[in-house]
Amino acid sequence: MKYQLTVFLVVAGTCFTLPQGQPDPVFALIEASGFNNEASQQDLLESMKPARIPQTVDCLLNTPGITCDPRIGSLRRVIETLSRNNYKCDSCPLELRFFIVYVQQAMKAIPEYCIKLEKGLKLRPLCSV
């Protein structure tokens, strides 16, 4: 999994422009959030493991009383941007598309938390797709 995310972030920099020359909003957020270094990549993969999904979702929803990684707000913005783009990035390389599917599948691993996240962030359908 670490390899997949590393490939995703390395390859992403080479193809994240839309036909009009506008930077891809997902990649722009990844860069701005600092998710483009190995330690952050590993943390992101860890937060998507089934055992960590409940805490990750609670953090994404700003649930009081939970200790969260300070970068969770950035991850929330990336997920919201993916939702606005229908969880797709047609101009992105295959590796990035695989990563997006990985995130979707990780969130679907625990349906009640997937639904909680979908409703809490008012995302496009994620859990039933």
C-alpha atoms as a PDB file:
ATOM      1  CA  MET A   1       0.000   0.000   0.000  1.00  0.00           C
ATOM      2  CA  LYS A   2       2.822   2.414   0.796  1.00  0.00           C
ATOM      3  CA  TYR A   3       4.140   1.843  -2.722  1.00  0.00           C
ATOM      4  CA  GLN A   4       0.762   2.671  -4.263  1.00  0.00           C
ATOM      5  CA  LEU A   5       0.519   6.008  -2.479  1.00  0.00           C
ATOM      6  CA  THR A   6       4.119   6.868  -3.283  1.00  0.00           C
ATOM      7  CA  VAL A   7       3.498   6.116  -6.956  1.00  0.00           C
ATOM      8  CA  PHE A   8       0.301   8.154  -6.770  1.00  0.00           C
ATOM      9  CA  LEU A   9       2.063  11.230  -5.438  1.00  0.00           C
ATOM     10  CA  VAL A  10       5.144  10.967  -7.669  1.00  0.00           C
ATOM     11  CA  VAL A  11       3.185  10.425 -10.872  1.00  0.00           C
ATOM     12  CA  ALA A  12       0.561  12.981  -9.901  1.00  0.00           C
ATOM     13  CA  GLY A  13       2.904  15.897 -10.406  1.00  0.00           C
ATOM     14  CA  THR A  14       3.388  15.019 -14.047  1.00  0.00           C
ATOM     15  CA  CYS A  15      -0.239  14.993 -15.164  1.00  0.00           C
ATOM     16  CA  PHE A  16      -2.377  17.165 -12.970  1.00  0.00           C
ATOM     17  CA  THR A  17      -3.483  19.764 -15.441  1.00  0.00           C
ATOM     18  CA  LEU A  18      -6.859  20.024 -17.033  1.00  0.00           C
ATOM     19  CA  PRO A  19      -7.224  20.639 -20.764  1.00  0.00           C
ATOM     20  CA  GLN A  20      -7.761  24.368 -20.115  1.00  0.00           C
ATOM     21  CA  GLY A  21      -4.420  24.518 -18.295  1.00  0.00           C
ATOM     22  CA  GLN A  22      -6.031  24.787 -14.863  1.00  0.00           C
ATOM     23  CA  PRO A  23      -4.287  22.776 -12.138  1.00  0.00           C
ATOM     24  CA  ASP A  24      -6.216  19.771 -10.875  1.00  0.00           C
ATOM     25  CA  PRO A  25      -7.878  20.802  -7.579  1.00  0.00           C
ATOM     26  CA  VAL A  26      -7.121  17.481  -5.862  1.00  0.00           C
ATOM     27  CA  PHE A  27      -3.396  17.665  -6.627  1.00  0.00           C
ATOM     28  CA  ALA A  28      -3.253  21.311  -5.592  1.00  0.00           C
ATOM     29  CA  LEU A  29      -4.708  20.361  -2.201  1.00  0.00           C
ATOM     30  CA  ILE A  30      -2.295  17.439  -1.810  1.00  0.00           C
ATOM     31  CA  GLU A  31       0.662  19.736  -2.392  1.00  0.00           C
ATOM     32  CA  ALA A  32      -0.690  22.498  -0.162  1.00  0.00           C
ATOM     33  CA  SER A  33      -1.427  19.994   2.599  1.00  0.00           C
ATOM     34  CA  GLY A  34       2.057  18.522   2.676  1.00  0.00           C
ATOM     35  CA  PHE A  35       0.864  15.016   1.808  1.00  0.00           C
ATOM     36  CA  ASN A  36       3.694  14.756  -0.719  1.00  0.00           C
ATOM     37  CA  ASN A  37       6.353  13.427   1.675  1.00  0.00           C
ATOM     38  CA  GLU A  38       6.928   9.830   2.736  1.00  0.00           C
ATOM     39  CA  ALA A  39       5.950  10.261   6.398  1.00  0.00           C
ATOM     40  CA  SER A  40       2.654  11.918   5.478  1.00  0.00           C
ATOM     41  CA  GLN A  41       1.967   9.270   2.857  1.00  0.00           C
ATOM     42  CA  GLN A  42       2.447   6.512   5.421  1.00  0.00           C
ATOM     43  CA  ASP A  43       0.168   8.320   7.889  1.00  0.00           C
ATOM     44  CA  LEU A  44      -2.534   8.650   5.239  1.00  0.00           C
ATOM     45  CA  LEU A  45      -2.365   4.950   4.430  1.00  0.00           C
ATOM     46  CA  GLU A  46      -2.530   4.120   8.143  1.00  0.00           C
ATOM     47  CA  SER A  47      -5.642   6.264   8.584  1.00  0.00           C
ATOM     48  CA  MET A  48      -7.399   4.300   5.819  1.00  0.00           C
ATOM     49  CA  LYS A  49      -6.887   0.883   7.459  1.00  0.00           C
ATOM     50  CA  PRO A  50     -10.190  -0.684   8.578  1.00  0.00           C
ATOM     51  CA  ALA A  51      -9.239  -0.551  12.264  1.00  0.00           C
ATOM     52  CA  ARG A  52      -8.612   3.211  12.002  1.00  0.00           C
ATOM     53  CA  ILE A  53     -11.654   4.152   9.888  1.00  0.00           C
ATOM     54  CA  PRO A  54     -13.904   4.924  12.911  1.00  0.00           C
ATOM     55  CA  GLN A  55     -11.403   7.418  14.358  1.00  0.00           C
ATOM     56  CA  THR A  56     -10.602   8.841  10.915  1.00  0.00           C
ATOM     57  CA  VAL A  57     -14.293   9.451  10.198  1.00  0.00           C
ATOM     58  CA  ASP A  58     -14.861  10.992  13.626  1.00  0.00           C
ATOM     59  CA  CYS A  59     -11.892  13.289  13.063  1.00  0.00           C
ATOM     60  CA  LEU A  60     -13.094  14.219   9.576  1.00  0.00           C
ATOM     61  CA  LEU A  61     -16.425  15.190  11.135  1.00  0.00           C
ATOM     62  CA  ASN A  62     -14.789  17.243  13.922  1.00  0.00           C
ATOM     63  CA  THR A  63     -16.232  15.010  16.647  1.00  0.00           C
ATOM     64  CA  PRO A  64     -15.385  16.605  20.026  1.00  0.00           C
ATOM     65  CA  GLY A  65     -13.105  14.795  22.451  1.00  0.00           C
ATOM     66  CA  ILE A  66     -11.083  12.894  19.859  1.00  0.00           C
ATOM     67  CA  THR A  67      -7.375  13.394  19.322  1.00  0.00           C
ATOM     68  CA  CYS A  68      -6.779  13.928  15.615  1.00  0.00           C
ATOM     69  CA  ASP A  69      -3.832  14.464  13.318  1.00  0.00           C
ATOM     70  CA  PRO A  70      -3.583  18.208  12.643  1.00  0.00           C
ATOM     71  CA  ARG A  71      -3.656  17.459   8.895  1.00  0.00           C
ATOM     72  CA  ILE A  72      -7.177  16.011   9.097  1.00  0.00           C
ATOM     73  CA  GLY A  73      -8.686  19.285   7.875  1.00  0.00           C
ATOM     74  CA  SER A  74      -6.600  19.023   4.725  1.00  0.00           C
ATOM     75  CA  LEU A  75      -7.714  15.431   4.202  1.00  0.00           C
ATOM     76  CA  ARG A  76     -11.329  16.565   4.654  1.00  0.00           C
ATOM     77  CA  ARG A  77     -10.886  19.163   1.899  1.00  0.00           C
ATOM     78  CA  VAL A  78      -9.347  16.540  -0.426  1.00  0.00           C
ATOM     79  CA  ILE A  79     -12.314  14.192   0.156  1.00  0.00           C
ATOM     80  CA  GLU A  80     -14.806  17.016  -0.412  1.00  0.00           C
ATOM     81  CA  THR A  81     -13.027  17.961  -3.636  1.00  0.00           C
ATOM     82  CA  LEU A  82     -13.093  14.353  -4.803  1.00  0.00           C
ATOM     83  CA  SER A  83     -16.827  14.284  -4.077  1.00  0.00           C
ATOM     84  CA  ARG A  84     -17.426  17.431  -6.137  1.00  0.00           C
ATOM     85  CA  ASN A  85     -15.567  15.719  -8.983  1.00  0.00           C
ATOM     86  CA  ASN A  86     -17.747  12.594  -8.671  1.00  0.00           C
ATOM     87  CA  TYR A  87     -14.744  10.714  -7.222  1.00  0.00           C
ATOM     88  CA  LYS A  88     -13.095  10.811 -10.625  1.00  0.00           C
ATOM     89  CA  CYS A  89     -10.151  12.468 -12.246  1.00  0.00           C
ATOM     90  CA  ASP A  90     -10.346  11.594 -15.930  1.00  0.00           C
ATOM     91  CA  SER A  91      -7.189  13.535 -16.735  1.00  0.00           C
ATOM     92  CA  CYS A  92      -5.188  11.727 -14.045  1.00  0.00           C
ATOM     93  CA  PRO A  93      -2.888   8.749 -14.585  1.00  0.00           C
ATOM     94  CA  LEU A  94      -4.077   5.240 -13.934  1.00  0.00           C
ATOM     95  CA  GLU A  95      -2.124   5.072 -10.660  1.00  0.00           C
ATOM     96  CA  LEU A  96      -4.056   8.022  -9.246  1.00  0.00           C
ATOM     97  CA  ARG A  97      -7.360   6.538 -10.327  1.00  0.00           C
ATOM     98  CA  PHE A  98      -6.426   3.335  -8.496  1.00  0.00           C
ATOM     99  CA  PHE A  99      -5.648   5.381  -5.389  1.00  0.00           C
ATOM    100  CA  ILE A 100      -9.026   7.135  -5.537  1.00  0.00           C
ATOM    101  CA  VAL A 101     -10.730   3.739  -5.778  1.00  0.00           C
ATOM    102  CA  TYR A 102      -8.605   2.535  -2.838  1.00  0.00           C
ATOM    103  CA  VAL A 103      -9.832   5.436  -0.683  1.00  0.00           C
ATOM    104  CA  GLN A 104     -13.437   4.738  -1.711  1.00  0.00           C
ATOM    105  CA  GLN A 105     -13.106   1.040  -0.890  1.00  0.00           C
ATOM    106  CA  ALA A 106     -11.405   1.788   2.431  1.00  0.00           C
ATOM    107  CA  MET A 107     -14.291   4.034   3.434  1.00  0.00           C
ATOM    108  CA  LYS A 108     -16.845   1.410   2.357  1.00  0.00           C
ATOM    109  CA  ALA A 109     -15.158  -1.235   4.548  1.00  0.00           C
ATOM    110  CA  ILE A 110     -17.318  -0.207   7.510  1.00  0.00           C
ATOM    111  CA  PRO A 111     -20.697   0.793   6.042  1.00  0.00           C
ATOM    112  CA  GLU A 112     -22.032   2.651   9.089  1.00  0.00           C
ATOM    113  CA  TYR A 113     -18.985   4.943   9.131  1.00  0.00           C
ATOM    114  CA  CYS A 114     -19.141   5.399   5.385  1.00  0.00           C
ATOM    115  CA  ILE A 115     -22.743   6.575   5.669  1.00  0.00           C
ATOM    116  CA  LYS A 116     -21.842   8.759   8.655  1.00  0.00           C
ATOM    117  CA  LEU A 117     -19.081  10.443   6.632  1.00  0.00           C
ATOM    118  CA  GLU A 118     -21.232  10.782   3.521  1.00  0.00           C
ATOM    119  CA  LYS A 119     -24.033  12.479   5.466  1.00  0.00           C
ATOM    120  CA  GLY A 120     -21.775  14.491   7.769  1.00  0.00           C
ATOM    121  CA  LEU A 121     -19.777  16.058   4.939  1.00  0.00           C
ATOM    122  CA  LYS A 122     -22.742  16.100   2.535  1.00  0.00           C
ATOM    123  CA  LEU A 123     -20.794  14.102  -0.032  1.00  0.00           C
ATOM    124  CA  ARG A 124     -22.038  12.694  -3.295  1.00  0.00           C
ATOM    125  CA  PRO A 125     -23.105   9.058  -2.885  1.00  0.00           C
ATOM    126  CA  LEU A 126     -20.051   7.094  -1.855  1.00  0.00           C
ATOM    127  CA  CYS A 127     -21.330   4.151   0.156  1.00  0.00           C
ATOM    128  CA  SER A 128     -23.914   2.788  -2.254  1.00  0.00           C
ATOM    129  CA  VAL A 129     -21.822   3.042  -5.405  1.00  0.00           C
END
